[in-house]
Amino acid sequence: MIETDLIETNLIDTTVLLTIVLMACVTYFTRLAGYLVIRRVSLSQRAITVLEAAPGCVLVSVIAPYFVSERPADLAALAITLLAATRFSLLPTVVIGIVSAGVLRHLLA
């Protein structure tokens, strides 16, 4: 009921909502297809190593634009995230990066 009201009052553009839903479906089916294909194939050690490095590569591609940021909060959060990456695994590093960016943007903005 709430979603219908938001759409009817144009708070959410129908095209944007449809785009988000389709992107979610594509993401879900891509991951599902990858799981279904990989589970029947025996991977070489090299392929396993590449797949294990993929999340780190994605993280770097997400934070890379902040290397050229002029906002001190982003640069400080980036430094904290990089330091965390040297000490922790991926999930704690992402959490530390998100929290530090939020806190620093709030404090320095």
PDB file of N, CA and C in Angstrom:
ATOM      1  N   MET A   1       0.826  -1.195   0.000  1.00  0.00           N
ATOM      2  CA  MET A   1       0.000   0.000   0.000  1.00  0.00           C
ATOM      3  C   MET A   1       0.862   1.248   0.000  1.00  0.00           C
ATOM      4  N   ILE A   2       1.937   1.233   0.804  1.00  0.00           N
ATOM      5  CA  ILE A   2       2.809   2.399   0.860  1.00  0.00           C
ATOM      6  C   ILE A   2       3.510   2.591  -0.471  1.00  0.00           C
ATOM      7  N   GLU A   3       3.997   1.496  -1.086  1.00  0.00           N
ATOM      8  CA  GLU A   3       4.685   1.617  -2.360  1.00  0.00           C
ATOM      9  C   GLU A   3       3.756   2.180  -3.422  1.00  0.00           C
ATOM     10  N   THR A   4       2.535   1.738  -3.418  1.00  0.00           N
ATOM     11  CA  THR A   4       1.560   2.228  -4.383  1.00  0.00           C
ATOM     12  C   THR A   4       1.334   3.715  -4.197  1.00  0.00           C
ATOM     13  N   ASP A   5       1.226   4.174  -2.958  1.00  0.00           N
ATOM     14  CA  ASP A   5       1.027   5.593  -2.703  1.00  0.00           C
ATOM     15  C   ASP A   5       2.224   6.410  -3.153  1.00  0.00           C
ATOM     16  N   LEU A   6       3.448   5.888  -2.892  1.00  0.00           N
ATOM     17  CA  LEU A   6       4.650   6.609  -3.308  1.00  0.00           C
ATOM     18  C   LEU A   6       4.729   6.721  -4.815  1.00  0.00           C
ATOM     19  N   ILE A   7       4.366   5.666  -5.510  1.00  0.00           N
ATOM     20  CA  ILE A   7       4.412   5.690  -6.970  1.00  0.00           C
ATOM     21  C   ILE A   7       3.360   6.634  -7.515  1.00  0.00           C
ATOM     22  N   GLU A   8       2.171   6.587  -6.932  1.00  0.00           N
ATOM     23  CA  GLU A   8       1.094   7.439  -7.424  1.00  0.00           C
ATOM     24  C   GLU A   8       1.373   8.913  -7.185  1.00  0.00           C
ATOM     25  N   THR A   9       2.090   9.247  -6.119  1.00  0.00           N
ATOM     26  CA  THR A   9       2.384  10.657  -5.861  1.00  0.00           C
ATOM     27  C   THR A   9       3.675  11.101  -6.528  1.00  0.00           C
ATOM     28  N   ASN A  10       4.281  10.250  -7.349  1.00  0.00           N
ATOM     29  CA  ASN A  10       5.496  10.548  -8.100  1.00  0.00           C
ATOM     30  C   ASN A  10       6.697  10.801  -7.209  1.00  0.00           C
ATOM     31  N   LEU A  11       6.699  10.286  -5.957  1.00  0.00           N
ATOM     32  CA  LEU A  11       7.902  10.377  -5.147  1.00  0.00           C
ATOM     33  C   LEU A  11       8.949   9.416  -5.680  1.00  0.00           C
ATOM     34  N   ILE A  12       8.511   8.332  -6.265  1.00  0.00           N
ATOM     35  CA  ILE A  12       9.408   7.398  -6.919  1.00  0.00           C
ATOM     36  C   ILE A  12       8.966   7.285  -8.372  1.00  0.00           C
ATOM     37  N   ASP A  13       9.863   7.621  -9.255  1.00  0.00           N
ATOM     38  CA  ASP A  13       9.575   7.521 -10.676  1.00  0.00           C
ATOM     39  C   ASP A  13       9.435   6.046 -11.044  1.00  0.00           C
ATOM     40  N   THR A  14       8.433   5.722 -11.815  1.00  0.00           N
ATOM     41  CA  THR A  14       8.185   4.337 -12.199  1.00  0.00           C
ATOM     42  C   THR A  14       9.373   3.753 -12.957  1.00  0.00           C
ATOM     43  N   THR A  15       9.992   4.549 -13.786  1.00  0.00           N
ATOM     44  CA  THR A  15      11.146   4.069 -14.549  1.00  0.00           C
ATOM     45  C   THR A  15      12.307   3.727 -13.620  1.00  0.00           C
ATOM     46  N   VAL A  16      12.528   4.569 -12.613  1.00  0.00           N
ATOM     47  CA  VAL A  16      13.611   4.305 -11.657  1.00  0.00           C
ATOM     48  C   VAL A  16      13.313   3.037 -10.879  1.00  0.00           C
ATOM     49  N   LEU A  17      12.087   2.897 -10.428  1.00  0.00           N
ATOM     50  CA  LEU A  17      11.702   1.703  -9.678  1.00  0.00           C
ATOM     51  C   LEU A  17      11.860   0.448 -10.529  1.00  0.00           C
ATOM     52  N   LEU A  18      11.413   0.506 -11.764  1.00  0.00           N
ATOM     53  CA  LEU A  18      11.551  -0.638 -12.673  1.00  0.00           C
ATOM     54  C   LEU A  18      13.018  -0.958 -12.924  1.00  0.00           C
ATOM     55  N   THR A  19      13.845   0.076 -13.062  1.00  0.00           N
ATOM     56  CA  THR A  19      15.274  -0.130 -13.278  1.00  0.00           C
ATOM     57  C   THR A  19      15.914  -0.826 -12.078  1.00  0.00           C
ATOM     58  N   ILE A  20      15.556  -0.380 -10.870  1.00  0.00           N
ATOM     59  CA  ILE A  20      16.112  -1.002  -9.667  1.00  0.00           C
ATOM     60  C   ILE A  20      15.695  -2.463  -9.572  1.00  0.00           C
ATOM     61  N   VAL A  21      14.445  -2.752  -9.849  1.00  0.00           N
ATOM     62  CA  VAL A  21      13.954  -4.132  -9.769  1.00  0.00           C
ATOM     63  C   VAL A  21      14.647  -5.005 -10.815  1.00  0.00           C
ATOM     64  N   LEU A  22      14.790  -4.497 -12.025  1.00  0.00           N
ATOM     65  CA  LEU A  22      15.456  -5.273 -13.073  1.00  0.00           C
ATOM     66  C   LEU A  22      16.934  -5.487 -12.755  1.00  0.00           C
ATOM     67  N   MET A  23      17.596  -4.481 -12.194  1.00  0.00           N
ATOM     68  CA  MET A  23      18.997  -4.641 -11.815  1.00  0.00           C
ATOM     69  C   MET A  23      19.133  -5.689 -10.713  1.00  0.00           C
ATOM     70  N   ALA A  24      18.219  -5.697  -9.777  1.00  0.00           N
ATOM     71  CA  ALA A  24      18.254  -6.703  -8.722  1.00  0.00           C
ATOM     72  C   ALA A  24      18.049  -8.097  -9.298  1.00  0.00           C
ATOM     73  N   CYS A  25      17.125  -8.223 -10.245  1.00  0.00           N
ATOM     74  CA  CYS A  25      16.879  -9.531 -10.865  1.00  0.00           C
ATOM     75  C   CYS A  25      18.102 -10.001 -11.648  1.00  0.00           C
ATOM     76  N   VAL A  26      18.718  -9.106 -12.403  1.00  0.00           N
ATOM     77  CA  VAL A  26      19.903  -9.479 -13.177  1.00  0.00           C
ATOM     78  C   VAL A  26      21.036  -9.894 -12.239  1.00  0.00           C
ATOM     79  N   THR A  27      21.231  -9.154 -11.163  1.00  0.00           N
ATOM     80  CA  THR A  27      22.275  -9.499 -10.195  1.00  0.00           C
ATOM     81  C   THR A  27      22.010 -10.867  -9.591  1.00  0.00           C
ATOM     82  N   TYR A  28      20.775 -11.116  -9.201  1.00  0.00           N
ATOM     83  CA  TYR A  28      20.427 -12.394  -8.590  1.00  0.00           C
ATOM     84  C   TYR A  28      20.647 -13.542  -9.569  1.00  0.00           C
ATOM     85  N   PHE A  29      20.161 -13.414 -10.790  1.00  0.00           N
ATOM     86  CA  PHE A  29      20.293 -14.495 -11.760  1.00  0.00           C
ATOM     87  C   PHE A  29      21.740 -14.697 -12.198  1.00  0.00           C
ATOM     88  N   THR A  30      22.514 -13.623 -12.237  1.00  0.00           N
ATOM     89  CA  THR A  30      23.933 -13.764 -12.567  1.00  0.00           C
ATOM     90  C   THR A  30      24.642 -14.589 -11.505  1.00  0.00           C
ATOM     91  N   ARG A  31      24.374 -14.265 -10.246  1.00  0.00           N
ATOM     92  CA  ARG A  31      25.001 -15.033  -9.161  1.00  0.00           C
ATOM     93  C   ARG A  31      24.511 -16.476  -9.146  1.00  0.00           C
ATOM     94  N   LEU A  32      23.232 -16.664  -9.378  1.00  0.00           N
ATOM     95  CA  LEU A  32      22.679 -18.015  -9.398  1.00  0.00           C
ATOM     96  C   LEU A  32      23.274 -18.822 -10.551  1.00  0.00           C
ATOM     97  N   ALA A  33      23.381 -18.211 -11.719  1.00  0.00           N
ATOM     98  CA  ALA A  33      23.940 -18.909 -12.877  1.00  0.00           C
ATOM     99  C   ALA A  33      25.401 -19.260 -12.634  1.00  0.00           C
ATOM    100  N   GLY A  34      26.147 -18.353 -12.030  1.00  0.00           N
ATOM    101  CA  GLY A  34      27.539 -18.638 -11.703  1.00  0.00           C
ATOM    102  C   GLY A  34      27.656 -19.819 -10.763  1.00  0.00           C
ATOM    103  N   TYR A  35      26.817 -19.872  -9.771  1.00  0.00           N
ATOM    104  CA  TYR A  35      26.837 -20.995  -8.835  1.00  0.00           C
ATOM    105  C   TYR A  35      26.491 -22.296  -9.542  1.00  0.00           C
ATOM    106  N   LEU A  36      25.472 -22.280 -10.386  1.00  0.00           N
ATOM    107  CA  LEU A  36      25.056 -23.494 -11.075  1.00  0.00           C
ATOM    108  C   LEU A  36      26.122 -23.989 -12.046  1.00  0.00           C
ATOM    109  N   VAL A  37      26.812 -23.090 -12.708  1.00  0.00           N
ATOM    110  CA  VAL A  37      27.849 -23.483 -13.668  1.00  0.00           C
ATOM    111  C   VAL A  37      29.091 -23.990 -12.935  1.00  0.00           C
ATOM    112  N   ILE A  38      29.494 -23.283 -11.898  1.00  0.00           N
ATOM    113  CA  ILE A  38      30.742 -23.609 -11.205  1.00  0.00           C
ATOM    114  C   ILE A  38      30.642 -24.912 -10.402  1.00  0.00           C
ATOM    115  N   ARG A  39      29.479 -25.221  -9.890  1.00  0.00           N
ATOM    116  CA  ARG A  39      29.385 -26.383  -9.014  1.00  0.00           C
ATOM    117  C   ARG A  39      29.623 -27.705  -9.743  1.00  0.00           C
ATOM    118  N   ARG A  40      29.501 -27.741 -11.057  1.00  0.00           N
ATOM    119  CA  ARG A  40      29.713 -28.965 -11.831  1.00  0.00           C
ATOM    120  C   ARG A  40      31.090 -29.016 -12.493  1.00  0.00           C
ATOM    121  N   VAL A  41      31.872 -27.995 -12.292  1.00  0.00           N
ATOM    122  CA  VAL A  41      33.183 -27.911 -12.921  1.00  0.00           C
ATOM    123  C   VAL A  41      34.245 -27.980 -11.829  1.00  0.00           C
ATOM    124  N   SER A  42      35.269 -28.783 -12.070  1.00  0.00           N
ATOM    125  CA  SER A  42      36.387 -28.772 -11.128  1.00  0.00           C
ATOM    126  C   SER A  42      37.362 -27.696 -11.582  1.00  0.00           C
ATOM    127  N   LEU A  43      37.648 -26.787 -10.691  1.00  0.00           N
ATOM    128  CA  LEU A  43      38.486 -25.645 -11.036  1.00  0.00           C
ATOM    129  C   LEU A  43      39.940 -25.925 -10.710  1.00  0.00           C
ATOM    130  N   SER A  44      40.798 -25.316 -11.502  1.00  0.00           N
ATOM    131  CA  SER A  44      42.228 -25.415 -11.226  1.00  0.00           C
ATOM    132  C   SER A  44      42.551 -24.512 -10.031  1.00  0.00           C
ATOM    133  N   GLN A  45      43.698 -24.721  -9.453  1.00  0.00           N
ATOM    134  CA  GLN A  45      44.103 -23.879  -8.326  1.00  0.00           C
ATOM    135  C   GLN A  45      44.229 -22.423  -8.750  1.00  0.00           C
ATOM    136  N   ARG A  46      44.668 -22.206  -9.972  1.00  0.00           N
ATOM    137  CA  ARG A  46      44.796 -20.838 -10.482  1.00  0.00           C
ATOM    138  C   ARG A  46      43.429 -20.164 -10.575  1.00  0.00           C
ATOM    139  N   ALA A  47      42.418 -20.881 -11.078  1.00  0.00           N
ATOM    140  CA  ALA A  47      41.075 -20.317 -11.180  1.00  0.00           C
ATOM    141  C   ALA A  47      40.499 -20.026  -9.800  1.00  0.00           C
ATOM    142  N   ILE A  48      40.766 -20.915  -8.858  1.00  0.00           N
ATOM    143  CA  ILE A  48      40.291 -20.686  -7.485  1.00  0.00           C
ATOM    144  C   ILE A  48      40.946 -19.437  -6.904  1.00  0.00           C
ATOM    145  N   THR A  49      42.229 -19.266  -7.162  1.00  0.00           N
ATOM    146  CA  THR A  49      42.933 -18.082  -6.675  1.00  0.00           C
ATOM    147  C   THR A  49      42.351 -16.807  -7.275  1.00  0.00           C
ATOM    148  N   VAL A  50      42.045 -16.856  -8.562  1.00  0.00           N
ATOM    149  CA  VAL A  50      41.445 -15.681  -9.225  1.00  0.00           C
ATOM    150  C   VAL A  50      40.084 -15.372  -8.620  1.00  0.00           C
ATOM    151  N   LEU A  51      39.273 -16.403  -8.403  1.00  0.00           N
ATOM    152  CA  LEU A  51      37.942 -16.177  -7.833  1.00  0.00           C
ATOM    153  C   LEU A  51      38.026 -15.648  -6.404  1.00  0.00           C
ATOM    154  N   GLU A  52      39.029 -16.083  -5.674  1.00  0.00           N
ATOM    155  CA  GLU A  52      39.189 -15.579  -4.306  1.00  0.00           C
ATOM    156  C   GLU A  52      39.637 -14.124  -4.280  1.00  0.00           C
ATOM    157  N   ALA A  53      40.338 -13.693  -5.322  1.00  0.00           N
ATOM    158  CA  ALA A  53      40.811 -12.308  -5.378  1.00  0.00           C
ATOM    159  C   ALA A  53      39.756 -11.354  -5.911  1.00  0.00           C
ATOM    160  N   ALA A  54      38.696 -11.864  -6.504  1.00  0.00           N
ATOM    161  CA  ALA A  54      37.682 -11.010  -7.130  1.00  0.00           C
ATOM    162  C   ALA A  54      37.031 -10.019  -6.169  1.00  0.00           C
ATOM    163  N   PRO A  55      36.613 -10.421  -4.959  1.00  0.00           N
ATOM    164  CA  PRO A  55      35.992  -9.428  -4.070  1.00  0.00           C
ATOM    165  C   PRO A  55      36.913  -8.260  -3.742  1.00  0.00           C
ATOM    166  N   GLY A  56      38.184  -8.535  -3.546  1.00  0.00           N
ATOM    167  CA  GLY A  56      39.131  -7.463  -3.276  1.00  0.00           C
ATOM    168  C   GLY A  56      39.257  -6.511  -4.455  1.00  0.00           C
ATOM    169  N   CYS A  57      39.237  -7.064  -5.664  1.00  0.00           N
ATOM    170  CA  CYS A  57      39.308  -6.228  -6.865  1.00  0.00           C
ATOM    171  C   CYS A  57      38.075  -5.341  -6.993  1.00  0.00           C
ATOM    172  N   VAL A  58      36.927  -5.899  -6.664  1.00  0.00           N
ATOM    173  CA  VAL A  58      35.695  -5.113  -6.721  1.00  0.00           C
ATOM    174  C   VAL A  58      35.752  -3.986  -5.704  1.00  0.00           C
ATOM    175  N   LEU A  59      36.254  -4.295  -4.501  1.00  0.00           N
ATOM    176  CA  LEU A  59      36.375  -3.262  -3.470  1.00  0.00           C
ATOM    177  C   LEU A  59      37.295  -2.142  -3.928  1.00  0.00           C
ATOM    178  N   VAL A  60      38.400  -2.486  -4.528  1.00  0.00           N
ATOM    179  CA  VAL A  60      39.333  -1.466  -5.015  1.00  0.00           C
ATOM    180  C   VAL A  60      38.673  -0.610  -6.093  1.00  0.00           C
ATOM    181  N   SER A  61      37.906  -1.226  -6.982  1.00  0.00           N
ATOM    182  CA  SER A  61      37.241  -0.442  -8.033  1.00  0.00           C
ATOM    183  C   SER A  61      36.181   0.485  -7.458  1.00  0.00           C
ATOM    184  N   VAL A  62      35.604   0.110  -6.327  1.00  0.00           N
ATOM    185  CA  VAL A  62      34.589   0.973  -5.702  1.00  0.00           C
ATOM    186  C   VAL A  62      35.251   2.163  -5.027  1.00  0.00           C
ATOM    187  N   ILE A  63      36.376   1.943  -4.368  1.00  0.00           N
ATOM    188  CA  ILE A  63      36.982   3.039  -3.615  1.00  0.00           C
ATOM    189  C   ILE A  63      38.004   3.835  -4.410  1.00  0.00           C
ATOM    190  N   ALA A  64      38.399   3.365  -5.578  1.00  0.00           N
ATOM    191  CA  ALA A  64      39.425   4.045  -6.379  1.00  0.00           C
ATOM    192  C   ALA A  64      39.082   5.502  -6.699  1.00  0.00           C
ATOM    193  N   PRO A  65      37.849   5.846  -7.018  1.00  0.00           N
ATOM    194  CA  PRO A  65      37.567   7.263  -7.305  1.00  0.00           C
ATOM    195  C   PRO A  65      37.860   8.193  -6.129  1.00  0.00           C
ATOM    196  N   TYR A  66      37.850   7.679  -4.925  1.00  0.00           N
ATOM    197  CA  TYR A  66      38.099   8.534  -3.767  1.00  0.00           C
ATOM    198  C   TYR A  66      39.575   8.891  -3.611  1.00  0.00           C
ATOM    199  N   PHE A  67      40.452   8.236  -4.373  1.00  0.00           N
ATOM    200  CA  PHE A  67      41.858   8.610  -4.337  1.00  0.00           C
ATOM    201  C   PHE A  67      42.062  10.026  -4.870  1.00  0.00           C
ATOM    202  N   VAL A  68      41.171  10.486  -5.731  1.00  0.00           N
ATOM    203  CA  VAL A  68      41.293  11.828  -6.296  1.00  0.00           C
ATOM    204  C   VAL A  68      40.288  12.792  -5.684  1.00  0.00           C
ATOM    205  N   SER A  69      39.659  12.405  -4.590  1.00  0.00           N
ATOM    206  CA  SER A  69      38.686  13.268  -3.938  1.00  0.00           C
ATOM    207  C   SER A  69      39.375  14.465  -3.287  1.00  0.00           C
ATOM    208  N   GLU A  70      38.679  15.570  -3.274  1.00  0.00           N
ATOM    209  CA  GLU A  70      39.199  16.761  -2.611  1.00  0.00           C
ATOM    210  C   GLU A  70      38.587  16.933  -1.229  1.00  0.00           C
ATOM    211  N   ARG A  71      37.715  16.017  -0.838  1.00  0.00           N
ATOM    212  CA  ARG A  71      37.071  16.110   0.479  1.00  0.00           C
ATOM    213  C   ARG A  71      37.943  15.412   1.518  1.00  0.00           C
ATOM    214  N   PRO A  72      38.337  16.127   2.558  1.00  0.00           N
ATOM    215  CA  PRO A  72      39.194  15.527   3.587  1.00  0.00           C
ATOM    216  C   PRO A  72      38.566  14.306   4.241  1.00  0.00           C
ATOM    217  N   ALA A  73      37.261  14.306   4.414  1.00  0.00           N
ATOM    218  CA  ALA A  73      36.596  13.165   5.054  1.00  0.00           C
ATOM    219  C   ALA A  73      36.771  11.906   4.214  1.00  0.00           C
ATOM    220  N   ASP A  74      36.639  12.030   2.916  1.00  0.00           N
ATOM    221  CA  ASP A  74      36.794  10.863   2.036  1.00  0.00           C
ATOM    222  C   ASP A  74      38.224  10.358   2.034  1.00  0.00           C
ATOM    223  N   LEU A  75      39.173  11.285   2.006  1.00  0.00           N
ATOM    224  CA  LEU A  75      40.572  10.874   2.011  1.00  0.00           C
ATOM    225  C   LEU A  75      40.942  10.200   3.331  1.00  0.00           C
ATOM    226  N   ALA A  76      40.441  10.734   4.447  1.00  0.00           N
ATOM    227  CA  ALA A  76      40.722  10.116   5.745  1.00  0.00           C
ATOM    228  C   ALA A  76      40.056   8.743   5.833  1.00  0.00           C
ATOM    229  N   ALA A  77      38.826   8.628   5.359  1.00  0.00           N
ATOM    230  CA  ALA A  77      38.140   7.332   5.372  1.00  0.00           C
ATOM    231  C   ALA A  77      38.860   6.331   4.479  1.00  0.00           C
ATOM    232  N   LEU A  78      39.373   6.807   3.369  1.00  0.00           N
ATOM    233  CA  LEU A  78      40.142   5.937   2.480  1.00  0.00           C
ATOM    234  C   LEU A  78      41.402   5.418   3.176  1.00  0.00           C
ATOM    235  N   ALA A  79      42.091   6.295   3.886  1.00  0.00           N
ATOM    236  CA  ALA A  79      43.292   5.883   4.608  1.00  0.00           C
ATOM    237  C   ALA A  79      42.945   4.856   5.688  1.00  0.00           C
ATOM    238  N   ILE A  80      41.853   5.090   6.389  1.00  0.00           N
ATOM    239  CA  ILE A  80      41.430   4.138   7.427  1.00  0.00           C
ATOM    240  C   ILE A  80      41.074   2.799   6.801  1.00  0.00           C
ATOM    241  N   THR A  81      40.391   2.839   5.668  1.00  0.00           N
ATOM    242  CA  THR A  81      39.996   1.599   4.988  1.00  0.00           C
ATOM    243  C   THR A  81      41.219   0.822   4.502  1.00  0.00           C
ATOM    244  N   LEU A  82      42.169   1.522   3.954  1.00  0.00           N
ATOM    245  CA  LEU A  82      43.386   0.848   3.498  1.00  0.00           C
ATOM    246  C   LEU A  82      44.152   0.240   4.671  1.00  0.00           C
ATOM    247  N   LEU A  83      44.200   0.942   5.775  1.00  0.00           N
ATOM    248  CA  LEU A  83      44.851   0.397   6.966  1.00  0.00           C
ATOM    249  C   LEU A  83      44.102  -0.838   7.464  1.00  0.00           C
ATOM    250  N   ALA A  84      42.781  -0.755   7.456  1.00  0.00           N
ATOM    251  CA  ALA A  84      41.978  -1.910   7.885  1.00  0.00           C
ATOM    252  C   ALA A  84      42.182  -3.096   6.953  1.00  0.00           C
ATOM    253  N   ALA A  85      42.365  -2.821   5.666  1.00  0.00           N
ATOM    254  CA  ALA A  85      42.559  -3.910   4.693  1.00  0.00           C
ATOM    255  C   ALA A  85      43.855  -4.670   4.946  1.00  0.00           C
ATOM    256  N   THR A  86      44.832  -4.004   5.552  1.00  0.00           N
ATOM    257  CA  THR A  86      46.088  -4.696   5.852  1.00  0.00           C
ATOM    258  C   THR A  86      45.976  -5.567   7.091  1.00  0.00           C
ATOM    259  N   ARG A  87      44.936  -5.361   7.882  1.00  0.00           N
ATOM    260  CA  ARG A  87      44.805  -6.079   9.156  1.00  0.00           C
ATOM    261  C   ARG A  87      43.663  -7.095   9.180  1.00  0.00           C
ATOM    262  N   PHE A  88      42.581  -6.809   8.439  1.00  0.00           N
ATOM    263  CA  PHE A  88      41.376  -7.607   8.557  1.00  0.00           C
ATOM    264  C   PHE A  88      40.991  -8.226   7.217  1.00  0.00           C
ATOM    265  N   SER A  89      40.014  -9.135   7.267  1.00  0.00           N
ATOM    266  CA  SER A  89      39.489  -9.728   6.037  1.00  0.00           C
ATOM    267  C   SER A  89      38.539  -8.735   5.362  1.00  0.00           C
ATOM    268  N   LEU A  90      37.916  -9.155   4.276  1.00  0.00           N
ATOM    269  CA  LEU A  90      37.132  -8.236   3.453  1.00  0.00           C
ATOM    270  C   LEU A  90      35.926  -7.649   4.189  1.00  0.00           C
ATOM    271  N   LEU A  91      35.141  -8.478   4.836  1.00  0.00           N
ATOM    272  CA  LEU A  91      33.905  -7.975   5.467  1.00  0.00           C
ATOM    273  C   LEU A  91      34.183  -6.935   6.551  1.00  0.00           C
ATOM    274  N   PRO A  92      35.072  -7.201   7.499  1.00  0.00           N
ATOM    275  CA  PRO A  92      35.353  -6.139   8.475  1.00  0.00           C
ATOM    276  C   PRO A  92      35.933  -4.882   7.827  1.00  0.00           C
ATOM    277  N   THR A  93      36.718  -5.048   6.784  1.00  0.00           N
ATOM    278  CA  THR A  93      37.274  -3.885   6.095  1.00  0.00           C
ATOM    279  C   THR A  93      36.164  -3.042   5.475  1.00  0.00           C
ATOM    280  N   VAL A  94      35.203  -3.679   4.842  1.00  0.00           N
ATOM    281  CA  VAL A  94      34.089  -2.940   4.240  1.00  0.00           C
ATOM    282  C   VAL A  94      33.293  -2.222   5.323  1.00  0.00           C
ATOM    283  N   VAL A  95      33.025  -2.905   6.418  1.00  0.00           N
ATOM    284  CA  VAL A  95      32.256  -2.283   7.507  1.00  0.00           C
ATOM    285  C   VAL A  95      33.023  -1.096   8.088  1.00  0.00           C
ATOM    286  N   ILE A  96      34.309  -1.277   8.328  1.00  0.00           N
ATOM    287  CA  ILE A  96      35.122  -0.177   8.855  1.00  0.00           C
ATOM    288  C   ILE A  96      35.155   0.987   7.875  1.00  0.00           C
ATOM    289  N   GLY A  97      35.266   0.713   6.605  1.00  0.00           N
ATOM    290  CA  GLY A  97      35.279   1.772   5.599  1.00  0.00           C
ATOM    291  C   GLY A  97      33.973   2.547   5.549  1.00  0.00           C
ATOM    292  N   ILE A  98      32.863   1.831   5.593  1.00  0.00           N
ATOM    293  CA  ILE A  98      31.555   2.491   5.539  1.00  0.00           C
ATOM    294  C   ILE A  98      31.329   3.334   6.787  1.00  0.00           C
ATOM    295  N   VAL A  99      31.625   2.760   7.938  1.00  0.00           N
ATOM    296  CA  VAL A  99      31.402   3.491   9.193  1.00  0.00           C
ATOM    297  C   VAL A  99      32.328   4.704   9.277  1.00  0.00           C
ATOM    298  N   SER A 100      33.593   4.524   8.930  1.00  0.00           N
ATOM    299  CA  SER A 100      34.514   5.659   9.008  1.00  0.00           C
ATOM    300  C   SER A 100      34.137   6.753   8.024  1.00  0.00           C
ATOM    301  N   ALA A 101      33.698   6.401   6.840  1.00  0.00           N
ATOM    302  CA  ALA A 101      33.265   7.417   5.878  1.00  0.00           C
ATOM    303  C   ALA A 101      32.047   8.163   6.401  1.00  0.00           C
ATOM    304  N   GLY A 102      31.097   7.445   6.949  1.00  0.00           N
ATOM    305  CA  GLY A 102      29.900   8.106   7.475  1.00  0.00           C
ATOM    306  C   GLY A 102      30.201   9.031   8.635  1.00  0.00           C
ATOM    307  N   VAL A 103      31.004   8.541   9.573  1.00  0.00           N
ATOM    308  CA  VAL A 103      31.329   9.361  10.748  1.00  0.00           C
ATOM    309  C   VAL A 103      32.154  10.578  10.342  1.00  0.00           C
ATOM    310  N   LEU A 104      33.156  10.372   9.495  1.00  0.00           N
ATOM    311  CA  LEU A 104      34.010  11.490   9.096  1.00  0.00           C
ATOM    312  C   LEU A 104      33.253  12.505   8.245  1.00  0.00           C
ATOM    313  N   ARG A 105      32.397  12.052   7.377  1.00  0.00           N
ATOM    314  CA  ARG A 105      31.589  13.008   6.603  1.00  0.00           C
ATOM    315  C   ARG A 105      30.683  13.814   7.510  1.00  0.00           C
ATOM    316  N   HIS A 106      30.138  13.164   8.536  1.00  0.00           N
ATOM    317  CA  HIS A 106      29.274  13.879   9.479  1.00  0.00           C
ATOM    318  C   HIS A 106      30.079  14.899  10.285  1.00  0.00           C
ATOM    319  N   LEU A 107      31.264  14.497  10.730  1.00  0.00           N
ATOM    320  CA  LEU A 107      32.060  15.379  11.585  1.00  0.00           C
ATOM    321  C   LEU A 107      32.756  16.493  10.797  1.00  0.00           C
ATOM    322  N   LEU A 108      33.197  16.211   9.601  1.00  0.00           N
ATOM    323  CA  LEU A 108      33.974  17.190   8.844  1.00  0.00           C
ATOM    324  C   LEU A 108      33.155  17.966   7.826  1.00  0.00           C
ATOM    325  N   ALA A 109      31.909  17.635   7.661  1.00  0.00           N
ATOM    326  CA  ALA A 109      31.081  18.360   6.676  1.00  0.00           C
ATOM    327  C   ALA A 109      30.506  19.640   7.249  1.00  0.00           C
TER     328      ALA A 109
END
